[in-house]
Amino acid sequence: MDKKELWWNKAEEDMEAAEFMKKNGKYPYSAFLYQQAVEKALKSLLIKEGKGVMQTHDLFLLAKNCKAPGNIKSLCDRITPYYFRTRYPDTEMVELEKEDIEDVAKSSREVFEWIRKKL
């Protein structure tokens, strides 16, 4: 299995885990895992394009380096904060309701599908 596939497989695992956490009402964990799924998927695309893995959690920056269209970059920009705001107690935490996580899930799935088509 090549490096691109390793990253893509882990992205798919994170997406499945995000869905599981959402289904079980664990919204902060779900949001974090959606962010991670998109991050790893973008990194797999960067690997495919011969650019290597960038050491960042900024989805907008990763999408920009993948030459993603504006709508994908915008979605990535909305998802990125969930990496920090759901994990670290000394950052500005967000309270997530069901409708909030549905938006994160929809955005993440849209980016994920765009990446899947590029791979």
Protein backbone atom coordinates (compact mmCIF):
# COMPACT_ATOMS: atom_id res chain seq x y z
CA MET A 1 0.00 0.00 0.00
CA ASP A 2 1.45 3.35 -0.96
CA LYS A 3 1.60 6.43 1.27
CA LYS A 4 -1.37 8.10 -0.44
CA GLU A 5 -3.52 5.04 0.26
CA LEU A 6 -2.38 4.90 3.89
CA TRP A 7 -3.50 8.51 4.43
CA TRP A 8 -6.76 7.99 2.53
CA ASN A 9 -7.61 4.82 4.50
CA LYS A 10 -7.03 6.64 7.79
CA ALA A 11 -9.20 9.51 6.53
CA GLU A 12 -12.01 7.06 5.81
CA GLU A 13 -11.64 5.55 9.31
CA ASP A 14 -11.87 9.02 10.86
CA MET A 15 -14.97 9.79 8.77
CA GLU A 16 -16.63 6.59 9.99
CA ALA A 17 -15.70 7.39 13.59
CA ALA A 18 -17.06 10.94 13.19
CA GLU A 19 -20.38 9.54 11.99
CA PHE A 20 -20.47 7.10 14.92
CA MET A 21 -19.78 9.86 17.46
CA LYS A 22 -22.42 12.11 15.87
CA LYS A 23 -24.98 9.33 15.97
CA ASN A 24 -24.23 8.85 19.67
CA GLY A 25 -24.47 12.53 20.60
CA LYS A 26 -20.74 13.05 21.15
CA TYR A 27 -20.68 16.23 19.09
CA PRO A 28 -17.29 17.72 20.08
CA TYR A 29 -15.55 14.42 19.33
CA SER A 30 -17.49 14.12 16.11
CA ALA A 31 -16.49 17.62 14.97
CA PHE A 32 -12.83 16.90 15.74
CA LEU A 33 -12.94 13.64 13.79
CA TYR A 34 -14.61 15.31 10.80
CA GLN A 35 -11.78 17.84 10.78
CA GLN A 36 -9.23 15.03 10.99
CA ALA A 37 -10.88 13.07 8.18
CA VAL A 38 -10.76 16.07 5.86
CA GLU A 39 -7.19 16.90 6.89
CA LYS A 40 -5.93 13.40 6.16
CA ALA A 41 -7.87 13.23 2.90
CA LEU A 42 -6.35 16.52 1.75
CA LYS A 43 -2.90 15.26 2.69
CA SER A 44 -3.48 12.11 0.65
CA LEU A 45 -4.32 14.32 -2.33
CA LEU A 46 -1.16 16.35 -1.78
CA ILE A 47 0.84 13.11 -1.76
CA LYS A 48 -0.81 12.03 -5.02
CA GLU A 49 0.12 15.37 -6.56
CA GLY A 50 3.74 14.87 -5.48
CA LYS A 51 3.69 17.71 -2.94
CA GLY A 52 4.19 15.62 0.20
CA VAL A 53 2.56 16.02 3.60
CA MET A 54 2.34 19.56 4.93
CA GLN A 55 2.72 19.87 8.71
CA THR A 56 -0.43 21.89 9.39
CA HIS A 57 -3.99 21.43 10.62
CA ASP A 58 -5.21 24.40 8.56
CA LEU A 59 -7.61 22.88 6.06
CA PHE A 60 -7.87 26.10 4.07
CA LEU A 61 -4.10 26.10 3.53
CA LEU A 62 -4.11 22.42 2.58
CA ALA A 63 -7.01 22.96 0.15
CA LYS A 64 -5.25 25.97 -1.36
CA ASN A 65 -2.17 23.83 -1.97
CA CYS A 66 -4.40 21.24 -3.64
CA LYS A 67 -5.71 24.01 -5.91
CA ALA A 68 -9.23 23.44 -4.61
CA PRO A 69 -12.04 25.62 -5.93
CA GLY A 70 -13.31 28.51 -3.81
CA ASN A 71 -16.32 26.69 -2.40
CA ILE A 72 -14.13 23.83 -1.13
CA LYS A 73 -11.65 26.27 0.43
CA SER A 74 -14.56 28.06 2.15
CA LEU A 75 -15.87 24.79 3.58
CA CYS A 76 -12.38 23.92 4.79
CA ASP A 77 -12.10 27.30 6.47
CA ARG A 78 -15.34 26.58 8.38
CA ILE A 79 -14.18 23.12 9.51
CA THR A 80 -10.63 24.02 10.63
CA PRO A 81 -11.49 25.60 14.03
CA TYR A 82 -12.96 22.33 15.29
CA TYR A 83 -9.45 20.91 15.53
CA PHE A 84 -8.68 23.27 18.42
CA ARG A 85 -12.03 24.28 19.86
CA THR A 86 -13.12 20.75 20.66
CA ARG A 87 -9.86 19.49 22.11
CA TYR A 88 -8.11 22.02 24.28
CA PRO A 89 -9.75 23.37 27.44
CA ASP A 90 -7.79 26.64 27.34
CA THR A 91 -9.08 27.66 23.89
CA GLU A 92 -12.38 29.26 23.06
CA MET A 93 -14.62 26.22 23.38
CA VAL A 94 -17.75 25.85 21.30
CA GLU A 95 -21.01 24.36 22.40
CA LEU A 96 -22.25 22.11 19.64
CA GLU A 97 -25.90 21.33 19.15
CA LYS A 98 -27.33 18.77 16.74
CA GLU A 99 -27.88 21.38 14.01
CA ASP A 100 -24.26 22.58 14.40
CA ILE A 101 -22.81 19.14 13.95
CA GLU A 102 -25.07 18.49 10.97
CA ASP A 103 -23.49 21.52 9.28
CA VAL A 104 -19.96 20.30 10.08
CA ALA A 105 -20.87 16.83 8.80
CA LYS A 106 -22.38 18.14 5.56
CA SER A 107 -19.40 20.42 4.91
CA SER A 108 -16.93 17.63 5.65
CA ARG A 109 -18.71 15.16 3.41
CA GLU A 110 -18.77 17.66 0.54
CA VAL A 111 -15.01 18.26 0.81
CA PHE A 112 -14.39 14.53 1.23
CA GLU A 113 -16.31 13.71 -1.95
CA TRP A 114 -14.43 16.38 -3.92
CA ILE A 115 -11.16 14.80 -2.78
CA ARG A 116 -12.36 11.27 -3.56
CA LYS A 117 -13.02 12.32 -7.17
CA LYS A 118 -9.53 13.84 -7.45
CA LEU A 119 -7.82 10.70 -6.14
